[in-house]
């Protein structure tokens, strides 16, 4: 496919990139070249290598080329390791999931410029919608978000609404599924996850979080906040002016239709991206990465 164009950042975003990510436009081309050469040295590995794509990985690891290379390998290794989750991962294949209006990325950013992803996990009915499809829809939302260079710099904030979460959900959230979610956030996705806010979490949710906690790095644990139904504490991080009315916000009920429309407009891009990855299953096992089965 033709190389995607590297978009020049607005001055205020470029300043954030310099201060927080060590991004220097005068050196970025050299760093991209180094990362591309590292990729080309791995047998049977065929990722996207255009400048714009590699730049995502450099930004998420503050232009440390070795760490960026690690995330890039993890990104493709997870896709090869779990074909049920990632095969034909296009917006058009998850329309039934998106019709449930469980997840979206808000049109407005928080005060730091981060994109805001909302997932209503408690409204998911595991008897009607397998967890794999919910996972896939969430990944598509994140992929869409990081197409924006601003989000690559400013990061993503997640709001996880657990209203309605109960024993049935707990039965459909085995540790091996939770490991995949944690691996995605910590090691396998080129985004900066700035904060995760849980709201409306019932008492039983502590059981689920107890299963997840051992897999979380201390850094990520420090970025997790629990609010219950106290939206005032949520407003310390996210203003009501950008939030749906379910959370006391000014934006009306959450409606993912506009966001899903944008996703579908990029369906061809997602299909093109699916052509890349590891060619050899042995090589997938040999990549120096986290072992997703023993996290």
C-alpha atoms as a PDB file:
ATOM      1  CA  UNK A   1       0.000   0.000   0.000  1.00  0.00           C
ATOM      2  CA  UNK A   2       1.187   3.601  -0.488  1.00  0.00           C
ATOM      3  CA  UNK A   3       2.940   5.098   2.478  1.00  0.00           C
ATOM      4  CA  UNK A   4       0.652   7.062   4.768  1.00  0.00           C
ATOM      5  CA  UNK A   5       1.578  10.702   5.040  1.00  0.00           C
ATOM      6  CA  UNK A   6       3.227  11.943   8.225  1.00  0.00           C
ATOM      7  CA  UNK A   7       1.031  14.798   9.439  1.00  0.00           C
ATOM      8  CA  UNK A   8       2.788  17.835  10.874  1.00  0.00           C
ATOM      9  CA  UNK A   9       1.606  18.525  14.403  1.00  0.00           C
ATOM     10  CA  UNK A  10       0.104  21.833  15.442  1.00  0.00           C
ATOM     11  CA  UNK A  11       2.608  23.943  17.422  1.00  0.00           C
ATOM     12  CA  UNK A  12       0.908  23.338  20.786  1.00  0.00           C
ATOM     13  CA  UNK A  13       0.805  19.562  20.190  1.00  0.00           C
ATOM     14  CA  UNK A  14       4.377  19.555  18.937  1.00  0.00           C
ATOM     15  CA  UNK A  15       5.393  21.201  22.213  1.00  0.00           C
ATOM     16  CA  UNK A  16       3.730  18.377  24.180  1.00  0.00           C
ATOM     17  CA  UNK A  17       5.475  15.824  21.969  1.00  0.00           C
ATOM     18  CA  UNK A  18       8.835  17.436  22.636  1.00  0.00           C
ATOM     19  CA  UNK A  19       8.340  17.705  26.402  1.00  0.00           C
ATOM     20  CA  UNK A  20       6.641  14.364  27.092  1.00  0.00           C
ATOM     21  CA  UNK A  21       7.820  12.091  24.274  1.00  0.00           C
ATOM     22  CA  UNK A  22      11.313  13.370  23.451  1.00  0.00           C
ATOM     23  CA  UNK A  23      10.085  13.915  19.889  1.00  0.00           C
ATOM     24  CA  UNK A  24      12.389  16.069  17.801  1.00  0.00           C
ATOM     25  CA  UNK A  25      11.187  16.669  14.215  1.00  0.00           C
ATOM     26  CA  UNK A  26      14.815  17.100  13.135  1.00  0.00           C
ATOM     27  CA  UNK A  27      15.692  13.612  14.415  1.00  0.00           C
ATOM     28  CA  UNK A  28      12.422  11.750  13.843  1.00  0.00           C
ATOM     29  CA  UNK A  29      13.356  10.627  10.340  1.00  0.00           C
ATOM     30  CA  UNK A  30      16.549   9.031  11.633  1.00  0.00           C
ATOM     31  CA  UNK A  31      14.676   7.247  14.443  1.00  0.00           C
ATOM     32  CA  UNK A  32      12.113   5.912  11.968  1.00  0.00           C
ATOM     33  CA  UNK A  33      14.928   4.637   9.759  1.00  0.00           C
ATOM     34  CA  UNK A  34      16.557   2.846  12.711  1.00  0.00           C
ATOM     35  CA  UNK A  35      13.254   1.194  13.669  1.00  0.00           C
ATOM     36  CA  UNK A  36      12.635   0.124  10.070  1.00  0.00           C
ATOM     37  CA  UNK A  37      16.097  -1.468   9.877  1.00  0.00           C
ATOM     38  CA  UNK A  38      15.407  -3.372  13.119  1.00  0.00           C
ATOM     39  CA  UNK A  39      12.193  -4.715  11.599  1.00  0.00           C
ATOM     40  CA  UNK A  40      13.889  -5.748   8.376  1.00  0.00           C
ATOM     41  CA  UNK A  41      16.402  -7.826  10.333  1.00  0.00           C
ATOM     42  CA  UNK A  42      13.670 -10.187  11.643  1.00  0.00           C
ATOM     43  CA  UNK A  43      13.023 -13.191   9.331  1.00  0.00           C
ATOM     44  CA  UNK A  44       9.454 -13.849   8.175  1.00  0.00           C
ATOM     45  CA  UNK A  45       8.265 -10.553   9.642  1.00  0.00           C
ATOM     46  CA  UNK A  46       6.304  -8.255   7.354  1.00  0.00           C
ATOM     47  CA  UNK A  47       4.749  -5.381   9.303  1.00  0.00           C
ATOM     48  CA  UNK A  48       3.740  -2.060   7.874  1.00  0.00           C
ATOM     49  CA  UNK A  49       6.892   0.041   7.669  1.00  0.00           C
ATOM     50  CA  UNK A  50       5.694   3.385   6.327  1.00  0.00           C
ATOM     51  CA  UNK A  51       6.825   6.392   8.334  1.00  0.00           C
ATOM     52  CA  UNK A  52       3.401   7.279   9.762  1.00  0.00           C
ATOM     53  CA  UNK A  53       2.803   3.769  11.098  1.00  0.00           C
ATOM     54  CA  UNK A  54       6.240   3.373  12.700  1.00  0.00           C
ATOM     55  CA  UNK A  55       5.893   6.810  14.248  1.00  0.00           C
ATOM     56  CA  UNK A  56       2.985   5.522  16.381  1.00  0.00           C
ATOM     57  CA  UNK A  57       5.297   3.026  18.073  1.00  0.00           C
ATOM     58  CA  UNK A  58       8.086   5.534  18.612  1.00  0.00           C
ATOM     59  CA  UNK A  59       5.655   7.962  20.217  1.00  0.00           C
ATOM     60  CA  UNK A  60       4.165   5.377  22.573  1.00  0.00           C
ATOM     61  CA  UNK A  61       7.663   4.585  23.935  1.00  0.00           C
ATOM     62  CA  UNK A  62       9.064   8.115  23.951  1.00  0.00           C
ATOM     63  CA  UNK A  63      11.318   7.550  20.948  1.00  0.00           C
ATOM     64  CA  UNK A  64      13.252   4.734  22.567  1.00  0.00           C
ATOM     65  CA  UNK A  65      13.752   2.652  19.411  1.00  0.00           C
ATOM     66  CA  UNK A  66      14.400  -0.622  21.279  1.00  0.00           C
ATOM     67  CA  UNK A  67      11.222  -0.328  23.340  1.00  0.00           C
ATOM     68  CA  UNK A  68       9.229   0.781  20.305  1.00  0.00           C
ATOM     69  CA  UNK A  69      10.501  -2.278  18.439  1.00  0.00           C
ATOM     70  CA  UNK A  70       9.324  -4.468  21.321  1.00  0.00           C
ATOM     71  CA  UNK A  71       5.785  -3.055  21.163  1.00  0.00           C
ATOM     72  CA  UNK A  72       5.732  -3.481  17.378  1.00  0.00           C
ATOM     73  CA  UNK A  73       6.633  -7.178  17.689  1.00  0.00           C
ATOM     74  CA  UNK A  74       4.110  -7.676  20.490  1.00  0.00           C
ATOM     75  CA  UNK A  75       1.456  -5.948  18.407  1.00  0.00           C
ATOM     76  CA  UNK A  76       1.805  -8.398  15.523  1.00  0.00           C
ATOM     77  CA  UNK A  77       2.569 -11.388  17.703  1.00  0.00           C
ATOM     78  CA  UNK A  78      -0.695 -11.054  19.597  1.00  0.00           C
ATOM     79  CA  UNK A  79      -2.556 -10.890  16.293  1.00  0.00           C
ATOM     80  CA  UNK A  80      -0.877 -14.059  15.092  1.00  0.00           C
ATOM     81  CA  UNK A  81      -1.323 -15.802  18.435  1.00  0.00           C
ATOM     82  CA  UNK A  82      -5.078 -15.160  18.695  1.00  0.00           C
ATOM     83  CA  UNK A  83      -6.662 -15.420  15.235  1.00  0.00           C
ATOM     84  CA  UNK A  84     -10.162 -15.644  16.735  1.00  0.00           C
ATOM     85  CA  UNK A  85      -9.734 -12.156  18.108  1.00  0.00           C
ATOM     86  CA  UNK A  86      -7.890 -10.558  15.219  1.00  0.00           C
ATOM     87  CA  UNK A  87      -8.748 -12.396  11.994  1.00  0.00           C
ATOM     88  CA  UNK A  88     -10.734 -10.146   9.622  1.00  0.00           C
ATOM     89  CA  UNK A  89     -10.727  -7.385  12.209  1.00  0.00           C
ATOM     90  CA  UNK A  90     -12.648  -4.802  10.189  1.00  0.00           C
ATOM     91  CA  UNK A  91     -15.410  -2.424  11.301  1.00  0.00           C
ATOM     92  CA  UNK A  92     -17.801  -4.072   8.844  1.00  0.00           C
ATOM     93  CA  UNK A  93     -17.444  -7.445  10.597  1.00  0.00           C
ATOM     94  CA  UNK A  94     -18.503  -6.038  13.986  1.00  0.00           C
ATOM     95  CA  UNK A  95     -21.585  -4.027  13.060  1.00  0.00           C
ATOM     96  CA  UNK A  96     -23.804  -6.263  15.194  1.00  0.00           C
ATOM     97  CA  UNK A  97     -21.583  -5.518  18.189  1.00  0.00           C
ATOM     98  CA  UNK A  98     -21.504  -1.776  17.545  1.00  0.00           C
ATOM     99  CA  UNK A  99     -25.300  -1.746  17.231  1.00  0.00           C
ATOM    100  CA  UNK A 100     -25.417  -2.474  20.979  1.00  0.00           C
ATOM    101  CA  UNK A 101     -23.943   0.989  21.654  1.00  0.00           C
ATOM    102  CA  UNK A 102     -21.553  -0.367  24.283  1.00  0.00           C
ATOM    103  CA  UNK A 103     -18.440   1.534  23.232  1.00  0.00           C
ATOM    104  CA  UNK A 104     -17.358   4.751  21.578  1.00  0.00           C
ATOM    105  CA  UNK A 105     -14.697   7.431  21.490  1.00  0.00           C
ATOM    106  CA  UNK A 106     -16.116  10.799  22.470  1.00  0.00           C
ATOM    107  CA  UNK A 107     -16.003  13.659  19.949  1.00  0.00           C
ATOM    108  CA  UNK A 108     -14.328  15.941  22.512  1.00  0.00           C
ATOM    109  CA  UNK A 109     -11.013  15.572  24.316  1.00  0.00           C
ATOM    110  CA  UNK A 110     -10.178  16.027  27.989  1.00  0.00           C
ATOM    111  CA  UNK A 111      -8.307  19.049  29.302  1.00  0.00           C
ATOM    112  CA  UNK A 112      -4.934  17.472  28.433  1.00  0.00           C
ATOM    113  CA  UNK A 113      -5.988  16.738  24.851  1.00  0.00           C
ATOM    114  CA  UNK A 114      -6.426  12.982  25.387  1.00  0.00           C
ATOM    115  CA  UNK A 115      -9.117  11.031  23.548  1.00  0.00           C
ATOM    116  CA  UNK A 116     -11.820   9.544  25.777  1.00  0.00           C
ATOM    117  CA  UNK A 117     -12.960   5.947  25.205  1.00  0.00           C
ATOM    118  CA  UNK A 118     -16.117   4.752  26.961  1.00  0.00           C
ATOM    119  CA  UNK A 119     -17.098   1.105  27.403  1.00  0.00           C
ATOM    120  CA  UNK A 120     -20.344   0.074  29.088  1.00  0.00           C
ATOM    121  CA  UNK A 121     -19.153  -3.343  30.173  1.00  0.00           C
ATOM    122  CA  UNK A 122     -21.988  -3.883  32.611  1.00  0.00           C
ATOM    123  CA  UNK A 123     -24.585  -3.669  29.816  1.00  0.00           C
ATOM    124  CA  UNK A 124     -22.896  -6.411  27.802  1.00  0.00           C
ATOM    125  CA  UNK A 125     -25.011  -9.582  27.727  1.00  0.00           C
ATOM    126  CA  UNK A 126     -22.478 -12.443  27.525  1.00  0.00           C
ATOM    127  CA  UNK A 127     -25.237 -14.944  26.686  1.00  0.00           C
ATOM    128  CA  UNK A 128     -26.077 -13.057  23.497  1.00  0.00           C
ATOM    129  CA  UNK A 129     -22.710 -11.602  22.481  1.00  0.00           C
ATOM    130  CA  UNK A 130     -19.466 -13.616  22.895  1.00  0.00           C
ATOM    131  CA  UNK A 131     -16.671 -11.789  24.673  1.00  0.00           C
ATOM    132  CA  UNK A 132     -14.438 -12.108  21.578  1.00  0.00           C
ATOM    133  CA  UNK A 133     -16.717  -9.769  19.624  1.00  0.00           C
ATOM    134  CA  UNK A 134     -16.742  -7.194  22.419  1.00  0.00           C
ATOM    135  CA  UNK A 135     -12.944  -7.365  22.581  1.00  0.00           C
ATOM    136  CA  UNK A 136     -12.720  -6.906  18.800  1.00  0.00           C
ATOM    137  CA  UNK A 137     -15.045  -3.910  18.823  1.00  0.00           C
ATOM    138  CA  UNK A 138     -13.028  -2.284  21.606  1.00  0.00           C
ATOM    139  CA  UNK A 139      -9.771  -2.819  19.706  1.00  0.00           C
ATOM    140  CA  UNK A 140     -11.311  -1.262  16.593  1.00  0.00           C
ATOM    141  CA  UNK A 141     -12.242   1.806  18.632  1.00  0.00           C
ATOM    142  CA  UNK A 142      -8.678   2.143  19.881  1.00  0.00           C
ATOM    143  CA  UNK A 143      -7.248   1.631  16.385  1.00  0.00           C
ATOM    144  CA  UNK A 144      -9.519   4.351  15.049  1.00  0.00           C
ATOM    145  CA  UNK A 145      -8.482   6.701  17.852  1.00  0.00           C
ATOM    146  CA  UNK A 146      -4.760   6.404  17.144  1.00  0.00           C
ATOM    147  CA  UNK A 147      -5.193   7.182  13.477  1.00  0.00           C
ATOM    148  CA  UNK A 148      -5.186  10.759  14.769  1.00  0.00           C
ATOM    149  CA  UNK A 149      -1.604  11.965  15.360  1.00  0.00           C
ATOM    150  CA  UNK A 150      -2.850  14.192  18.183  1.00  0.00           C
ATOM    151  CA  UNK A 151      -4.071  11.136  20.097  1.00  0.00           C
ATOM    152  CA  UNK A 152      -0.735   9.418  19.453  1.00  0.00           C
ATOM    153  CA  UNK A 153       0.852  12.294  21.377  1.00  0.00           C
ATOM    154  CA  UNK A 154      -1.761  13.089  24.037  1.00  0.00           C
ATOM    155  CA  UNK A 155      -2.951   9.537  24.719  1.00  0.00           C
ATOM    156  CA  UNK A 156      -6.201   7.802  25.591  1.00  0.00           C
ATOM    157  CA  UNK A 157      -8.311   7.936  28.737  1.00  0.00           C
ATOM    158  CA  UNK A 158     -10.797   5.098  29.308  1.00  0.00           C
ATOM    159  CA  UNK A 159     -14.088   5.209  31.213  1.00  0.00           C
ATOM    160  CA  UNK A 160     -15.302   1.718  32.108  1.00  0.00           C
ATOM    161  CA  UNK A 161     -18.952   1.753  33.157  1.00  0.00           C
ATOM    162  CA  UNK A 162     -19.706  -1.395  35.160  1.00  0.00           C
ATOM    163  CA  UNK A 163     -23.357  -0.636  35.897  1.00  0.00           C
ATOM    164  CA  UNK A 164     -25.182  -3.987  35.716  1.00  0.00           C
ATOM    165  CA  UNK A 165     -22.067  -6.128  36.154  1.00  0.00           C
ATOM    166  CA  UNK A 166     -22.931  -9.368  37.952  1.00  0.00           C
ATOM    167  CA  UNK A 167     -22.199 -13.043  38.436  1.00  0.00           C
ATOM    168  CA  UNK A 168     -23.005 -13.911  34.821  1.00  0.00           C
ATOM    169  CA  UNK A 169     -20.350 -11.466  33.610  1.00  0.00           C
ATOM    170  CA  UNK A 170     -17.866 -12.888  36.077  1.00  0.00           C
ATOM    171  CA  UNK A 171     -18.379 -16.407  34.690  1.00  0.00           C
ATOM    172  CA  UNK A 172     -17.632 -15.158  31.186  1.00  0.00           C
ATOM    173  CA  UNK A 173     -14.439 -13.319  32.196  1.00  0.00           C
ATOM    174  CA  UNK A 174     -11.907 -16.119  32.835  1.00  0.00           C
ATOM    175  CA  UNK A 175      -8.324 -15.176  33.719  1.00  0.00           C
ATOM    176  CA  UNK A 176      -7.022 -16.112  30.250  1.00  0.00           C
ATOM    177  CA  UNK A 177      -9.363 -13.553  28.674  1.00  0.00           C
ATOM    178  CA  UNK A 178      -8.350 -10.894  31.179  1.00  0.00           C
ATOM    179  CA  UNK A 179      -4.682 -11.561  30.413  1.00  0.00           C
ATOM    180  CA  UNK A 180      -5.295 -10.721  26.768  1.00  0.00           C
ATOM    181  CA  UNK A 181      -6.878  -7.411  27.703  1.00  0.00           C
ATOM    182  CA  UNK A 182      -3.997  -6.513  30.013  1.00  0.00           C
ATOM    183  CA  UNK A 183      -1.397  -7.594  27.445  1.00  0.00           C
ATOM    184  CA  UNK A 184      -3.061  -5.364  24.861  1.00  0.00           C
ATOM    185  CA  UNK A 185      -2.939  -2.290  27.093  1.00  0.00           C
ATOM    186  CA  UNK A 186       0.503  -2.796  28.625  1.00  0.00           C
ATOM    187  CA  UNK A 187       2.616  -4.311  25.882  1.00  0.00           C
ATOM    188  CA  UNK A 188       0.899  -4.713  22.527  1.00  0.00           C
ATOM    189  CA  UNK A 189      -0.746  -1.492  21.442  1.00  0.00           C
ATOM    190  CA  UNK A 190       0.888   1.759  20.270  1.00  0.00           C
ATOM    191  CA  UNK A 191      -0.999   4.174  22.474  1.00  0.00           C
ATOM    192  CA  UNK A 192      -0.393   6.014  25.713  1.00  0.00           C
ATOM    193  CA  UNK A 193      -3.079   4.944  28.190  1.00  0.00           C
ATOM    194  CA  UNK A 194      -3.120   7.932  30.510  1.00  0.00           C
ATOM    195  CA  UNK A 195      -5.878   6.818  32.908  1.00  0.00           C
ATOM    196  CA  UNK A 196      -8.611   4.201  33.397  1.00  0.00           C
ATOM    197  CA  UNK A 197     -11.700   5.328  35.302  1.00  0.00           C
ATOM    198  CA  UNK A 198     -14.188   2.781  36.634  1.00  0.00           C
ATOM    199  CA  UNK A 199     -17.693   4.031  37.384  1.00  0.00           C
ATOM    200  CA  UNK A 200     -20.805   2.351  38.786  1.00  0.00           C
ATOM    201  CA  UNK A 201     -18.795  -0.680  39.845  1.00  0.00           C
ATOM    202  CA  UNK A 202     -20.803  -3.036  42.135  1.00  0.00           C
ATOM    203  CA  UNK A 203     -19.278  -4.873  45.089  1.00  0.00           C
ATOM    204  CA  UNK A 204     -18.801  -8.053  43.054  1.00  0.00           C
ATOM    205  CA  UNK A 205     -16.554  -6.148  40.657  1.00  0.00           C
ATOM    206  CA  UNK A 206     -13.806  -6.351  43.270  1.00  0.00           C
ATOM    207  CA  UNK A 207     -13.617 -10.087  42.535  1.00  0.00           C
ATOM    208  CA  UNK A 208     -12.913  -9.397  38.858  1.00  0.00           C
ATOM    209  CA  UNK A 209     -10.349  -6.727  39.644  1.00  0.00           C
ATOM    210  CA  UNK A 210      -8.693  -9.108  42.068  1.00  0.00           C
ATOM    211  CA  UNK A 211      -8.145 -11.489  39.144  1.00  0.00           C
ATOM    212  CA  UNK A 212      -6.697  -8.706  36.993  1.00  0.00           C
ATOM    213  CA  UNK A 213      -4.446  -6.993  39.528  1.00  0.00           C
ATOM    214  CA  UNK A 214      -1.579  -9.563  39.446  1.00  0.00           C
ATOM    215  CA  UNK A 215      -1.108  -8.914  35.730  1.00  0.00           C
ATOM    216  CA  UNK A 216      -0.955  -5.115  36.042  1.00  0.00           C
ATOM    217  CA  UNK A 217       2.276  -3.180  36.222  1.00  0.00           C
ATOM    218  CA  UNK A 218       2.597  -0.764  39.117  1.00  0.00           C
ATOM    219  CA  UNK A 219       2.610   2.111  36.637  1.00  0.00           C
ATOM    220  CA  UNK A 220      -0.769   1.090  35.220  1.00  0.00           C
ATOM    221  CA  UNK A 221      -2.207   0.409  38.689  1.00  0.00           C
ATOM    222  CA  UNK A 222      -1.340   3.991  39.620  1.00  0.00           C
ATOM    223  CA  UNK A 223      -3.423   5.219  36.684  1.00  0.00           C
ATOM    224  CA  UNK A 224      -6.586   3.355  37.670  1.00  0.00           C
ATOM    225  CA  UNK A 225      -9.308   5.263  39.513  1.00  0.00           C
ATOM    226  CA  UNK A 226     -12.540   3.996  41.074  1.00  0.00           C
ATOM    227  CA  UNK A 227     -15.472   6.394  41.341  1.00  0.00           C
ATOM    228  CA  UNK A 228     -18.535   4.266  42.032  1.00  0.00           C
ATOM    229  CA  UNK A 229     -21.556   6.479  41.340  1.00  0.00           C
ATOM    230  CA  UNK A 230     -19.706   9.600  42.508  1.00  0.00           C
ATOM    231  CA  UNK A 231     -19.460  11.491  39.255  1.00  0.00           C
ATOM    232  CA  UNK A 232     -18.159  14.548  41.087  1.00  0.00           C
ATOM    233  CA  UNK A 233     -14.878  12.692  41.611  1.00  0.00           C
ATOM    234  CA  UNK A 234     -14.878  11.766  37.908  1.00  0.00           C
ATOM    235  CA  UNK A 235     -15.177  15.472  37.073  1.00  0.00           C
ATOM    236  CA  UNK A 236     -11.800  16.033  38.716  1.00  0.00           C
ATOM    237  CA  UNK A 237     -10.436  14.356  35.577  1.00  0.00           C
ATOM    238  CA  UNK A 238     -13.135  14.717  32.905  1.00  0.00           C
ATOM    239  CA  UNK A 239     -15.385  17.791  32.734  1.00  0.00           C
ATOM    240  CA  UNK A 240     -19.175  17.368  32.359  1.00  0.00           C
ATOM    241  CA  UNK A 241     -19.013  19.466  29.192  1.00  0.00           C
ATOM    242  CA  UNK A 242     -17.570  16.506  27.225  1.00  0.00           C
ATOM    243  CA  UNK A 243     -19.454  13.634  28.908  1.00  0.00           C
ATOM    244  CA  UNK A 244     -22.744  11.918  27.975  1.00  0.00           C
ATOM    245  CA  UNK A 245     -25.737  12.657  30.183  1.00  0.00           C
ATOM    246  CA  UNK A 246     -25.506   9.189  31.779  1.00  0.00           C
ATOM    247  CA  UNK A 247     -22.558  10.569  33.730  1.00  0.00           C
ATOM    248  CA  UNK A 248     -24.115  13.937  34.511  1.00  0.00           C
ATOM    249  CA  UNK A 249     -22.646  15.406  31.353  1.00  0.00           C
ATOM    250  CA  UNK A 250     -23.930  17.984  28.889  1.00  0.00           C
ATOM    251  CA  UNK A 251     -23.644  15.921  25.702  1.00  0.00           C
ATOM    252  CA  UNK A 252     -26.924  14.007  25.615  1.00  0.00           C
ATOM    253  CA  UNK A 253     -27.168  10.193  25.780  1.00  0.00           C
ATOM    254  CA  UNK A 254     -24.167   8.234  24.536  1.00  0.00           C
ATOM    255  CA  UNK A 255     -24.601   7.457  20.850  1.00  0.00           C
ATOM    256  CA  UNK A 256     -21.803   5.725  18.947  1.00  0.00           C
ATOM    257  CA  UNK A 257     -23.403   6.035  15.496  1.00  0.00           C
ATOM    258  CA  UNK A 258     -21.257   8.951  14.281  1.00  0.00           C
ATOM    259  CA  UNK A 259     -18.100   7.259  15.500  1.00  0.00           C
ATOM    260  CA  UNK A 260     -19.060   3.953  13.869  1.00  0.00           C
ATOM    261  CA  UNK A 261     -19.709   5.811  10.612  1.00  0.00           C
ATOM    262  CA  UNK A 262     -16.140   7.119  10.727  1.00  0.00           C
ATOM    263  CA  UNK A 263     -14.902   3.604  11.448  1.00  0.00           C
ATOM    264  CA  UNK A 264     -16.727   2.216   8.423  1.00  0.00           C
ATOM    265  CA  UNK A 265     -15.212   4.909   6.218  1.00  0.00           C
ATOM    266  CA  UNK A 266     -11.846   3.336   7.094  1.00  0.00           C
ATOM    267  CA  UNK A 267     -12.926  -0.258   6.447  1.00  0.00           C
ATOM    268  CA  UNK A 268     -10.608  -0.545   3.437  1.00  0.00           C
ATOM    269  CA  UNK A 269      -7.688   0.676   5.548  1.00  0.00           C
ATOM    270  CA  UNK A 270      -8.324  -2.009   8.186  1.00  0.00           C
ATOM    271  CA  UNK A 271      -8.518  -4.649   5.457  1.00  0.00           C
ATOM    272  CA  UNK A 272      -5.231  -3.461   3.998  1.00  0.00           C
ATOM    273  CA  UNK A 273      -3.560  -3.521   7.426  1.00  0.00           C
ATOM    274  CA  UNK A 274      -4.666  -7.135   7.917  1.00  0.00           C
ATOM    275  CA  UNK A 275      -2.235  -8.262   5.183  1.00  0.00           C
ATOM    276  CA  UNK A 276       0.762  -7.550   7.404  1.00  0.00           C
ATOM    277  CA  UNK A 277       2.335  -9.584  10.174  1.00  0.00           C
ATOM    278  CA  UNK A 278       4.334 -12.747  10.771  1.00  0.00           C
ATOM    279  CA  UNK A 279       4.492 -15.319   7.970  1.00  0.00           C
ATOM    280  CA  UNK A 280       5.911 -18.190  10.022  1.00  0.00           C
ATOM    281  CA  UNK A 281       4.263 -19.600  13.169  1.00  0.00           C
ATOM    282  CA  UNK A 282       7.618 -20.819  14.469  1.00  0.00           C
ATOM    283  CA  UNK A 283       8.943 -17.300  14.227  1.00  0.00           C
ATOM    284  CA  UNK A 284       5.939 -16.038  16.188  1.00  0.00           C
ATOM    285  CA  UNK A 285       6.891 -18.342  19.057  1.00  0.00           C
ATOM    286  CA  UNK A 286      10.511 -17.277  18.900  1.00  0.00           C
ATOM    287  CA  UNK A 287       9.954 -13.533  19.040  1.00  0.00           C
ATOM    288  CA  UNK A 288      11.371 -12.028  22.215  1.00  0.00           C
ATOM    289  CA  UNK A 289       8.038 -10.939  23.689  1.00  0.00           C
ATOM    290  CA  UNK A 290       5.773 -11.588  26.625  1.00  0.00           C
ATOM    291  CA  UNK A 291       4.360 -15.076  26.645  1.00  0.00           C
ATOM    292  CA  UNK A 292       0.634 -14.427  26.436  1.00  0.00           C
ATOM    293  CA  UNK A 293      -0.196 -17.873  27.812  1.00  0.00           C
ATOM    294  CA  UNK A 294       1.808 -17.435  30.993  1.00  0.00           C
ATOM    295  CA  UNK A 295       1.396 -13.751  31.838  1.00  0.00           C
END
